N, C-alpha and C. Protein backbone atom coordinates (compact mmCIF):
# COMPACT_ATOMS: atom_id res chain seq x y z
N UNK A 1 -4.87 -12.89 -0.24
CA UNK A 1 -3.84 -12.14 0.39
C UNK A 1 -2.52 -11.60 -0.43
N UNK A 2 -2.42 -10.83 -0.15
CA UNK A 2 -1.12 -10.20 -0.84
C UNK A 2 0.19 -10.63 -0.50
N UNK A 3 1.35 -10.99 -1.62
CA UNK A 3 2.23 -11.68 -1.32
C UNK A 3 4.13 -10.89 -1.92
N UNK A 4 4.68 -11.44 -0.56
CA UNK A 4 5.68 -10.31 -0.83
C UNK A 4 6.44 -10.89 -1.36
N UNK A 5 7.95 -10.57 -1.91
CA UNK A 5 9.26 -11.19 -2.33
C UNK A 5 10.22 -10.23 -1.18
N UNK A 6 10.82 -10.49 -0.56
CA UNK A 6 11.84 -9.62 0.63
C UNK A 6 13.21 -10.27 -0.10
N UNK A 7 14.16 -9.33 -0.63
CA UNK A 7 15.63 -9.12 -0.99
C UNK A 7 16.37 -8.88 0.11
N UNK A 8 17.21 -9.77 0.52
CA UNK A 8 18.25 -9.25 2.00
C UNK A 8 19.81 -9.74 0.76
N UNK A 9 20.55 -9.36 2.00
CA UNK A 9 22.21 -9.67 1.72
C UNK A 9 23.27 -10.34 2.92
N UNK A 10 21.99 -9.37 4.08
CA UNK A 10 23.07 -9.83 5.11
C UNK A 10 22.04 -10.44 6.20
N UNK A 11 22.58 -9.44 7.06
CA UNK A 11 21.96 -9.78 8.35
C UNK A 11 20.03 -10.21 8.87
N UNK A 12 19.70 -9.71 7.98
CA UNK A 12 18.17 -9.58 7.86
C UNK A 12 17.29 -9.18 8.91
N UNK A 13 17.77 -8.22 8.98
CA UNK A 13 16.66 -7.55 10.34
C UNK A 13 15.75 -6.89 10.10
N UNK A 14 15.39 -6.33 8.70
CA UNK A 14 14.66 -5.53 8.03
C UNK A 14 13.89 -6.82 7.56
N UNK A 15 14.44 -7.66 6.97
CA UNK A 15 13.70 -9.15 6.53
C UNK A 15 12.89 -9.66 7.56
N UNK A 16 13.50 -9.78 8.90
CA UNK A 16 12.67 -10.04 10.50
C UNK A 16 11.33 -9.72 10.85
N UNK A 17 11.60 -7.95 10.69
CA UNK A 17 10.88 -7.08 10.96
C UNK A 17 9.01 -7.26 9.97
N UNK A 18 9.58 -7.22 8.63
CA UNK A 18 8.60 -7.40 7.82
C UNK A 18 7.64 -8.76 8.01
N UNK A 19 8.86 -10.24 8.00
CA UNK A 19 7.85 -11.60 8.47
C UNK A 19 7.00 -11.42 9.42
N UNK A 20 7.60 -10.88 10.92
CA UNK A 20 6.78 -10.95 12.17
C UNK A 20 6.01 -9.96 11.81
N UNK A 21 5.86 -9.12 11.07
CA UNK A 21 4.84 -8.02 11.01
C UNK A 21 3.39 -8.84 10.26
N UNK A 22 3.95 -9.82 9.27
CA UNK A 22 3.10 -10.50 8.56
C UNK A 22 2.58 -11.31 9.58
N UNK A 23 3.29 -12.31 10.05
CA UNK A 23 2.88 -13.44 11.08
C UNK A 23 1.91 -12.84 12.19
N UNK A 24 2.03 -11.63 12.27
CA UNK A 24 1.23 -11.22 13.42
C UNK A 24 -0.10 -10.55 13.02
N UNK A 25 -0.09 -10.66 11.37
CA UNK A 25 -1.55 -9.71 11.45
C UNK A 25 -1.26 -7.95 10.87
N UNK A 26 -0.08 -7.80 11.20
CA UNK A 26 -0.07 -6.00 11.41
C UNK A 26 0.38 -5.63 9.91
N UNK A 27 0.87 -6.66 8.86
CA UNK A 27 0.73 -6.37 7.54
C UNK A 27 -0.36 -7.81 6.74
N UNK A 28 -1.09 -7.42 6.21
CA UNK A 28 -2.06 -7.91 5.73
C UNK A 28 -1.25 -8.39 4.60
N UNK A 29 -0.75 -9.51 4.72
CA UNK A 29 0.08 -10.33 3.45
C UNK A 29 1.14 -11.39 3.79
N UNK A 30 1.55 -11.80 2.70
CA UNK A 30 2.73 -12.87 3.31
C UNK A 30 3.95 -12.85 2.63
N UNK A 31 4.98 -12.63 3.42
CA UNK A 31 6.21 -13.24 2.99
C UNK A 31 6.57 -14.55 1.95
N UNK A 32 6.31 -14.45 0.55
CA UNK A 32 6.16 -15.97 -0.25
C UNK A 32 7.21 -16.28 -0.39
N UNK A 33 8.39 -15.11 -0.35
CA UNK A 33 10.32 -15.63 -1.26
C UNK A 33 10.98 -14.20 -0.33
N UNK A 34 11.97 -14.97 0.35
CA UNK A 34 12.78 -14.60 0.14
C UNK A 34 14.28 -14.82 -0.84
N UNK A 35 14.92 -13.46 -1.21
CA UNK A 35 15.97 -13.75 -2.39
C UNK A 35 16.95 -13.25 -1.36
N UNK A 36 18.33 -14.04 -1.74
CA UNK A 36 19.65 -13.66 -1.07
C UNK A 36 20.71 -14.01 -1.82
N UNK A 37 21.49 -13.16 -2.21
CA UNK A 37 23.00 -13.43 -3.00
C UNK A 37 24.08 -14.01 -2.23
N UNK A 38 23.71 -13.85 -1.04
CA UNK A 38 25.34 -14.43 -0.34
C UNK A 38 24.47 -15.64 0.91
N UNK A 39 24.98 -16.56 0.43
CA UNK A 39 24.64 -17.79 0.50
C UNK A 39 25.26 -17.99 1.80
N UNK A 40 25.83 -17.43 2.61
CA UNK A 40 26.48 -17.69 4.02
C UNK A 40 25.50 -16.28 4.79
N UNK A 41 24.90 -15.73 4.33
CA UNK A 41 24.39 -14.45 5.26
C UNK A 41 22.99 -14.88 6.13
N UNK A 42 22.99 -14.39 7.22
CA UNK A 42 22.10 -14.91 8.60
C UNK A 42 20.80 -14.78 7.92
N UNK A 43 20.60 -13.78 6.94
CA UNK A 43 19.09 -14.09 6.81
C UNK A 43 18.34 -15.04 6.47
N UNK A 44 19.38 -16.08 5.72
CA UNK A 44 19.38 -17.36 5.05
C UNK A 44 18.13 -18.17 6.34
N UNK A 45 19.05 -18.31 7.57
CA UNK A 45 18.53 -18.86 8.63
C UNK A 45 17.44 -17.91 8.91
N UNK A 46 17.37 -16.55 9.20
CA UNK A 46 15.71 -16.41 9.62
C UNK A 46 14.89 -16.62 8.71
N UNK A 47 14.67 -17.04 7.19
CA UNK A 47 13.57 -17.22 6.80
C UNK A 47 13.15 -18.67 6.98
N UNK A 48 14.28 -19.35 7.73
CA UNK A 48 14.52 -20.63 7.66
C UNK A 48 13.03 -21.24 9.37
N UNK A 49 13.83 -20.11 9.93
CA UNK A 49 12.71 -20.21 11.84
C UNK A 49 11.87 -19.33 11.17
N UNK A 50 11.27 -18.96 9.65
CA UNK A 50 9.66 -18.48 9.49
C UNK A 50 9.24 -19.66 9.15
N UNK A 51 9.72 -20.39 8.56
CA UNK A 51 9.40 -21.21 7.35
C UNK A 51 8.76 -20.54 5.89
N UNK A 52 9.83 -19.86 5.46
CA UNK A 52 9.29 -19.01 4.35
C UNK A 52 10.24 -19.35 3.28
N UNK A 53 9.86 -19.33 2.00
CA UNK A 53 10.53 -20.23 0.70
C UNK A 53 11.63 -19.42 0.87
N UNK A 54 12.42 -20.00 -0.09
CA UNK A 54 13.77 -18.72 -0.29
C UNK A 54 14.55 -19.23 -1.53
N UNK A 55 14.96 -18.43 -2.05
CA UNK A 55 16.25 -18.51 -3.64
C UNK A 55 17.23 -17.68 -3.07
N UNK A 56 18.21 -18.91 -2.92
CA UNK A 56 19.32 -18.10 -2.39
C UNK A 56 20.55 -18.69 -3.40
N UNK A 57 21.31 -17.80 -4.26
CA UNK A 57 22.07 -17.99 -4.87
C UNK A 57 23.66 -17.35 -4.77
N UNK A 58 24.51 -17.42 -5.57
CA UNK A 58 25.82 -16.89 -5.63
C UNK A 58 25.53 -16.57 -7.46
N UNK A 59 26.02 -15.09 -7.29
CA UNK A 59 25.77 -15.05 -8.89
C UNK A 59 27.05 -15.10 -9.82
N UNK A 60 28.06 -15.55 -9.34
CA UNK A 60 29.36 -16.10 -10.12
C UNK A 60 28.74 -17.51 -10.75
N UNK A 61 27.70 -17.90 -10.32
CA UNK A 61 27.24 -19.55 -10.56
C UNK A 61 26.16 -18.45 -12.15
N UNK A 62 26.14 -17.28 -11.93
CA UNK A 62 26.11 -17.10 -13.51
C UNK A 62 26.46 -16.19 -14.57
N UNK A 63 26.07 -16.56 -15.92
CA UNK A 63 27.41 -15.57 -16.85
C UNK A 63 26.71 -14.21 -16.82
N UNK A 64 25.46 -13.96 -16.87
CA UNK A 64 25.29 -12.55 -16.49
C UNK A 64 24.46 -11.98 -15.12
N UNK A 65 24.07 -11.24 -15.27
CA UNK A 65 23.00 -10.23 -14.22
C UNK A 65 21.54 -11.04 -14.80
N UNK A 66 21.36 -10.65 -15.93
CA UNK A 66 20.17 -10.82 -16.62
C UNK A 66 19.57 -12.41 -16.12
N UNK A 67 20.62 -13.65 -16.38
CA UNK A 67 20.70 -14.66 -15.79
C UNK A 67 19.96 -15.09 -14.86
N UNK A 68 20.69 -14.14 -13.56
CA UNK A 68 20.03 -14.63 -12.34
C UNK A 68 18.48 -13.78 -12.27
N UNK A 69 18.88 -13.02 -12.70
CA UNK A 69 17.39 -11.73 -12.54
C UNK A 69 15.96 -12.67 -13.33
N UNK A 70 16.46 -13.05 -14.22
CA UNK A 70 15.33 -14.22 -14.96
C UNK A 70 14.73 -15.54 -14.30
N UNK A 71 15.76 -15.96 -13.66
CA UNK A 71 15.43 -17.23 -12.72
C UNK A 71 14.80 -16.63 -11.24
N UNK A 72 15.13 -15.38 -10.77
CA UNK A 72 14.12 -14.68 -9.87
C UNK A 72 12.52 -14.63 -10.27
N UNK A 73 12.84 -13.86 -11.32
CA UNK A 73 11.54 -13.23 -11.77
C UNK A 73 10.67 -14.31 -12.29
N UNK A 74 10.64 -15.48 -12.71
CA UNK A 74 10.14 -16.81 -13.03
C UNK A 74 9.68 -17.41 -11.72
N UNK A 75 10.46 -17.59 -10.21
CA UNK A 75 9.69 -17.91 -9.38
C UNK A 75 9.12 -16.73 -8.76
N UNK A 76 9.06 -15.42 -8.83
CA UNK A 76 7.93 -14.39 -7.89
C UNK A 76 6.73 -14.56 -9.25
N UNK A 77 6.90 -14.47 -10.21
CA UNK A 77 5.40 -14.94 -11.01
C UNK A 77 5.00 -15.66 -10.40
N UNK A 78 5.56 -17.01 -10.32
CA UNK A 78 4.89 -18.15 -10.07
C UNK A 78 4.09 -18.22 -8.63
N UNK A 79 4.37 -17.53 -7.96
CA UNK A 79 4.15 -17.25 -6.57
C UNK A 79 3.63 -16.35 -6.80
N UNK A 80 2.80 -15.07 -7.75
CA UNK A 80 1.68 -14.18 -7.93
C UNK A 80 2.20 -13.28 -6.50
N UNK A 81 3.65 -12.52 -6.48
CA UNK A 81 4.43 -11.72 -6.05
C UNK A 81 3.55 -10.05 -6.38
N UNK A 82 3.15 -9.86 -5.88
CA UNK A 82 2.54 -8.45 -5.64
C UNK A 82 3.64 -6.75 -5.18
N UNK A 83 4.16 -7.44 -4.82
CA UNK A 83 5.22 -6.11 -4.37
C UNK A 83 6.63 -6.71 -3.90
N UNK A 84 7.69 -6.05 -4.19
CA UNK A 84 8.90 -6.67 -4.16
C UNK A 84 9.88 -5.67 -3.08
N UNK A 85 10.14 -6.07 -2.06
CA UNK A 85 10.84 -5.12 -0.73
C UNK A 85 12.38 -5.17 -0.77
N UNK A 86 13.33 -4.42 -1.05
CA UNK A 86 14.51 -4.99 -1.01
C UNK A 86 15.05 -4.42 0.38
N UNK A 87 15.49 -5.22 1.27
CA UNK A 87 16.08 -4.68 2.58
C UNK A 87 17.33 -5.10 3.03
N UNK A 88 18.30 -4.71 2.36
CA UNK A 88 19.27 -4.30 2.79
C UNK A 88 19.96 -5.53 1.51
N UNK A 89 19.73 -5.59 0.26
CA UNK A 89 19.79 -6.54 -0.77
C UNK A 89 21.00 -5.30 -1.91
N UNK A 90 22.44 -6.03 -1.44
CA UNK A 90 23.69 -4.93 -1.61
C UNK A 90 24.17 -4.97 -3.36
N UNK A 91 22.79 -5.65 -4.06
CA UNK A 91 23.12 -5.32 -5.72
C UNK A 91 21.94 -4.25 -6.25
N UNK A 92 22.73 -3.97 -7.13
CA UNK A 92 21.79 -3.05 -8.56
C UNK A 92 20.83 -3.77 -8.84
N UNK A 93 19.88 -3.88 -8.62
CA UNK A 93 18.70 -4.37 -9.65
C UNK A 93 18.66 -3.51 -11.13
N UNK A 94 19.05 -4.96 -11.91
CA UNK A 94 19.03 -4.90 -13.34
C UNK A 94 17.54 -4.68 -14.28
N UNK A 95 18.01 -4.22 -15.47
CA UNK A 95 16.79 -4.48 -16.46
C UNK A 95 15.81 -5.21 -16.64
N UNK A 96 16.07 -6.66 -16.23
CA UNK A 96 15.27 -7.89 -16.49
C UNK A 96 14.46 -7.63 -15.44
N UNK A 97 14.40 -7.30 -13.69
CA UNK A 97 14.04 -7.09 -12.93
C UNK A 97 13.16 -6.13 -12.75
N UNK A 98 13.63 -5.10 -13.53
CA UNK A 98 12.98 -3.84 -13.33
C UNK A 98 11.85 -3.94 -14.11
N UNK A 99 11.92 -4.47 -15.12
CA UNK A 99 10.95 -4.29 -16.64
C UNK A 99 9.75 -5.33 -15.81
N UNK A 100 10.14 -6.23 -15.17
CA UNK A 100 8.87 -7.29 -15.00
C UNK A 100 8.00 -6.82 -13.69
N UNK A 101 8.56 -5.95 -13.17
CA UNK A 101 8.20 -5.44 -12.05
C UNK A 101 8.09 -3.91 -11.57
N UNK A 102 7.98 -3.08 -12.53
CA UNK A 102 8.34 -2.04 -12.66
C UNK A 102 6.94 -1.18 -12.06
N UNK A 103 7.45 -0.19 -11.16
CA UNK A 103 6.56 0.19 -10.19
C UNK A 103 6.23 -0.81 -8.72
N UNK A 104 6.86 -1.76 -8.74
CA UNK A 104 6.17 -2.65 -7.62
C UNK A 104 7.74 -2.90 -6.86
N UNK A 105 8.84 -2.07 -7.00
CA UNK A 105 10.34 -2.75 -6.30
C UNK A 105 10.47 -1.51 -5.20
N UNK A 106 10.57 -1.97 -4.03
CA UNK A 106 11.24 -0.33 -3.58
C UNK A 106 11.94 -0.70 -2.86
N UNK A 107 13.03 -0.11 -2.25
CA UNK A 107 14.23 -0.14 -1.20
C UNK A 107 14.03 0.88 0.11
N UNK A 108 14.85 0.05 0.83
CA UNK A 108 14.87 1.11 1.98
C UNK A 108 16.11 1.50 2.11
N UNK A 109 16.71 3.02 2.26
CA UNK A 109 17.82 3.63 2.40
C UNK A 109 18.55 4.43 3.56
N UNK A 110 19.44 4.34 4.29
CA UNK A 110 19.76 4.79 5.38
C UNK A 110 20.35 6.19 5.34
N UNK A 111 19.88 7.02 4.72
CA UNK A 111 19.98 8.09 4.51
C UNK A 111 18.68 9.32 3.88
N UNK A 112 18.54 10.62 4.37
CA UNK A 112 17.79 11.66 3.69
C UNK A 112 18.07 11.31 2.62
N UNK A 113 17.22 10.70 1.45
CA UNK A 113 17.64 11.06 0.08
C UNK A 113 17.03 12.24 -0.81
N UNK A 114 17.79 13.22 -1.70
CA UNK A 114 18.77 12.41 -2.78
C UNK A 114 20.82 12.46 -1.98
N UNK A 115 20.42 12.59 -0.47
CA UNK A 115 21.89 13.33 0.37
C UNK A 115 22.24 11.45 0.19
N UNK A 116 23.82 11.42 0.49
CA UNK A 116 24.17 9.97 0.53
C UNK A 116 23.90 8.91 -0.21
N UNK A 117 23.67 8.90 -1.45
CA UNK A 117 23.51 7.52 -2.25
C UNK A 117 24.07 6.69 -1.96
N UNK A 118 24.11 4.87 -2.00
CA UNK A 118 25.49 3.77 -2.37
C UNK A 118 24.97 3.27 -0.92
N UNK A 119 26.09 2.24 -0.94
CA UNK A 119 26.10 1.37 0.10
C UNK A 119 26.74 2.13 1.38
N UNK A 120 27.55 3.41 1.42
CA UNK A 120 28.14 3.71 2.76
C UNK A 120 27.55 5.12 3.17
N UNK A 121 26.20 5.07 3.06
CA UNK A 121 25.91 6.23 3.26
C UNK A 121 25.56 6.85 4.72
N UNK A 122 25.52 5.93 5.66
CA UNK A 122 25.98 6.37 6.85
C UNK A 122 27.18 7.17 6.88
N UNK A 123 28.35 6.12 6.86
CA UNK A 123 29.58 6.62 7.14
C UNK A 123 30.32 7.89 6.49
N UNK A 124 29.06 7.96 5.10
CA UNK A 124 29.57 9.73 4.05
C UNK A 124 29.06 10.56 5.58
N UNK A 125 27.55 10.33 5.66
CA UNK A 125 27.03 11.42 6.41
C UNK A 125 27.72 11.58 7.36
N UNK A 126 28.45 10.66 8.37
CA UNK A 126 29.23 10.91 9.37
C UNK A 126 30.41 11.48 9.33
N UNK A 127 31.19 11.40 8.36
CA UNK A 127 32.09 12.06 7.89
C UNK A 127 31.79 13.25 6.90
N UNK A 128 30.65 13.66 6.77
CA UNK A 128 30.20 15.15 6.75
C UNK A 128 30.20 15.55 7.24
N UNK A 129 29.70 15.38 8.86
CA UNK A 129 29.23 16.38 9.94
C UNK A 129 28.05 16.43 9.91
N UNK A 130 26.91 16.00 9.21
CA UNK A 130 25.48 15.98 9.36
C UNK A 130 24.74 15.46 10.91
N UNK A 131 24.25 16.42 11.23
CA UNK A 131 23.53 16.48 12.49
C UNK A 131 21.92 15.82 12.34
N UNK A 132 21.47 16.13 11.47
CA UNK A 132 20.01 15.09 10.82
C UNK A 132 20.21 14.05 9.94
N UNK A 133 20.23 12.92 10.31
CA UNK A 133 19.94 11.71 9.70
C UNK A 133 19.31 11.26 9.16
N UNK A 134 18.68 10.14 8.56
CA UNK A 134 17.21 9.41 7.98
C UNK A 134 17.10 8.35 7.72
N UNK A 135 16.25 8.05 7.44
CA UNK A 135 15.65 6.96 6.23
C UNK A 135 14.48 7.19 5.33
N UNK A 136 15.05 6.71 4.18
CA UNK A 136 14.00 7.01 3.19
C UNK A 136 13.62 5.54 2.69
N UNK A 137 12.43 5.80 2.27
CA UNK A 137 11.79 4.64 1.14
C UNK A 137 11.28 5.05 0.07
N UNK A 138 12.03 4.00 -0.96
CA UNK A 138 11.91 4.86 -2.55
C UNK A 138 11.52 3.65 -3.38
N UNK A 139 10.95 4.32 -4.72
CA UNK A 139 10.58 2.66 -5.54
C UNK A 139 12.61 2.82 -6.47
N UNK A 140 12.40 1.84 -6.72
CA UNK A 140 13.79 1.24 -7.44
C UNK A 140 13.20 1.84 -8.96
N UNK A 141 14.18 2.02 -9.00
CA UNK A 141 14.60 2.81 -10.93
C UNK A 141 15.87 1.97 -11.49
N UNK A 142 16.21 2.43 -12.67
CA UNK A 142 17.79 2.04 -12.91
C UNK A 142 18.73 3.17 -12.27
N UNK A 143 18.30 4.68 -11.92
CA UNK A 143 19.06 5.43 -11.19
C UNK A 143 19.72 4.73 -9.77
N UNK A 144 20.44 4.46 -9.32
CA UNK A 144 21.11 3.94 -7.66
C UNK A 144 20.35 5.11 -6.65
N UNK A 145 20.02 4.57 -6.46
CA UNK A 145 19.06 5.28 -4.79
C UNK A 145 18.17 6.81 -5.67
N UNK A 146 18.04 6.32 -6.78
CA UNK A 146 16.95 7.92 -7.36
C UNK A 146 15.75 7.65 -7.63
N UNK A 147 15.12 6.58 -7.34
CA UNK A 147 13.67 6.62 -7.61
C UNK A 147 12.82 7.50 -7.03
N UNK A 148 11.92 7.71 -7.18
CA UNK A 148 10.91 8.44 -6.52
C UNK A 148 10.11 8.20 -4.86
N UNK A 149 10.60 9.10 -4.19
CA UNK A 149 10.81 8.64 -2.46
C UNK A 149 9.16 8.73 -2.21
N UNK A 150 9.20 7.51 -1.71
CA UNK A 150 7.27 7.09 -0.69
C UNK A 150 7.30 8.08 0.47
N UNK A 151 8.60 7.61 1.60
CA UNK A 151 8.35 8.23 2.53
C UNK A 151 10.04 8.05 3.81
N UNK A 152 10.18 9.03 4.21
CA UNK A 152 11.51 9.60 4.87
C UNK A 152 10.74 10.06 6.32
N UNK A 153 11.84 9.65 7.42
CA UNK A 153 11.77 9.96 8.55
C UNK A 153 13.03 10.53 9.13
N UNK A 154 13.50 11.57 10.02
CA UNK A 154 14.78 12.09 10.28
C UNK A 154 14.83 12.04 11.55
N UNK A 155 15.68 11.94 12.14
CA UNK A 155 16.44 11.89 13.55
C UNK A 155 17.71 12.81 13.50
N UNK A 156 17.83 13.54 14.76
CA UNK A 156 19.35 14.29 15.18
C UNK A 156 20.06 13.08 15.66
N UNK A 157 20.88 13.75 15.35
CA UNK A 157 22.13 12.48 16.02
C UNK A 157 23.44 13.16 16.30
N UNK A 158 24.05 14.03 17.31
CA UNK A 158 25.51 15.00 17.50
C UNK A 158 26.56 13.85 17.64
N UNK A 159 26.81 13.25 17.13
CA UNK A 159 28.27 12.76 17.43
C UNK A 159 28.77 12.39 15.99
N UNK A 160 30.13 11.00 16.07
CA UNK A 160 31.10 10.46 15.29
C UNK A 160 30.59 9.38 15.53
N UNK A 161 29.68 8.41 15.74
CA UNK A 161 29.93 6.80 15.73
C UNK A 161 28.78 6.25 14.80
N UNK A 162 29.29 5.81 13.58
CA UNK A 162 28.75 5.46 12.79
C UNK A 162 27.39 4.36 13.19
N UNK A 163 28.25 3.09 14.06
CA UNK A 163 27.48 2.17 14.62
C UNK A 163 25.69 2.28 15.43
N UNK A 164 26.68 3.55 16.05
CA UNK A 164 25.47 4.09 16.56
C UNK A 164 24.62 4.74 15.98
N UNK A 165 24.84 5.47 14.73
CA UNK A 165 23.57 5.95 13.86
C UNK A 165 23.21 4.97 13.30
N UNK A 166 23.96 3.91 12.75
CA UNK A 166 23.14 2.39 12.30
C UNK A 166 22.02 1.73 13.46
N UNK A 167 22.45 1.93 14.62
CA UNK A 167 21.38 0.98 15.79
C UNK A 167 20.06 2.03 15.86
N UNK A 168 20.47 3.53 15.86
CA UNK A 168 19.06 4.25 16.29
C UNK A 168 17.95 4.36 14.45
N UNK A 169 19.05 4.27 13.82
CA UNK A 169 18.54 3.81 12.39
C UNK A 169 17.58 2.84 12.53
N UNK A 170 18.04 1.60 12.63
CA UNK A 170 17.70 0.46 12.41
C UNK A 170 16.33 0.47 12.81
N UNK A 171 16.00 1.02 14.25
CA UNK A 171 14.74 0.89 14.89
C UNK A 171 13.58 1.85 13.97
N UNK A 172 13.97 2.98 13.78
CA UNK A 172 12.84 3.64 12.54
C UNK A 172 12.91 2.77 11.37
N UNK A 173 13.65 2.24 10.89
CA UNK A 173 13.92 1.41 9.79
C UNK A 173 12.26 0.54 9.86
N UNK A 174 12.64 -0.36 10.76
CA UNK A 174 11.54 -1.45 11.14
C UNK A 174 10.27 -0.44 10.68
N UNK A 175 9.89 0.16 11.71
CA UNK A 175 8.60 0.64 11.86
C UNK A 175 8.28 1.35 10.44
N UNK A 176 8.82 2.32 10.20
CA UNK A 176 8.55 3.12 8.72
C UNK A 176 8.27 1.97 7.55
N UNK A 177 9.64 0.93 7.35
CA UNK A 177 8.56 -0.05 6.54
C UNK A 177 7.75 -0.84 6.49
N UNK A 178 7.66 -1.22 7.64
CA UNK A 178 6.17 -1.64 7.94
C UNK A 178 4.99 -0.75 7.58
N UNK A 179 4.77 0.45 8.06
CA UNK A 179 4.09 1.51 7.83
C UNK A 179 3.89 1.63 6.18
N UNK A 180 4.94 1.63 5.63
CA UNK A 180 5.16 2.13 4.36
C UNK A 180 3.86 1.25 3.25
N UNK A 181 4.62 -0.46 3.67
CA UNK A 181 4.33 -1.42 3.30
C UNK A 181 2.88 -1.64 2.91
N UNK A 182 2.09 -1.15 4.29
CA UNK A 182 0.90 -1.33 4.55
C UNK A 182 0.21 -0.53 3.73
N UNK A 183 0.67 0.96 3.73
CA UNK A 183 0.20 1.89 2.59
C UNK A 183 0.25 1.38 1.26
N UNK A 184 0.79 0.77 1.03
CA UNK A 184 0.89 0.44 -0.22
C UNK A 184 0.35 -0.64 -1.22
N UNK A 185 0.34 -1.28 0.16
CA UNK A 185 -0.57 -2.78 -0.19
C UNK A 185 -2.69 -2.07 -0.43
N UNK A 186 -2.53 -1.04 0.66
CA UNK A 186 -3.92 -1.08 0.61
C UNK A 186 -4.29 0.19 -0.53
N UNK A 187 -3.47 0.82 -0.93
CA UNK A 187 -3.27 1.42 -1.86
C UNK A 187 -3.61 0.81 -3.47
N UNK A 188 -3.42 -0.51 -3.54
CA UNK A 188 -3.47 -1.18 -4.51
C UNK A 188 -4.74 -2.17 -4.66
């Protein structure tokens, strides 16, 4: 069975959607590891409810990014991780992790890349006044939200409420991420 590592920093709704899809057999894989850089994040409790092994750390405990990324890589290697799914992980992936899992790290982003990169994509899009929003899943490389696009889904919204855009997008994120993970695992 294929093994996933899911990285998150916040509430973990995408983590839970992926874990539930694995538990239900919708994704023919298991979430073998949840990685979180915020010890107080809600995703930690979600992982516990699923009984999923977790690595929770505070970056301040390490002298550099390479230090905690080396520990993450060691844990993933020991588990035989096939695919790394970033699901609201709010850290830029560094060279240590990129080299170890090149071509096997994907991210979900709440915009139609290459537009509105970075942490506040929805707010930027609302401020700009766009009428078509979207979700992108892409490979992770050294460029911020710059890796090759795997999948996108657009939706129309004619308003100015960023929270509403997030709510609409979140449902699309869950469906698109599960579908994309399945496609990638079948291709391996």
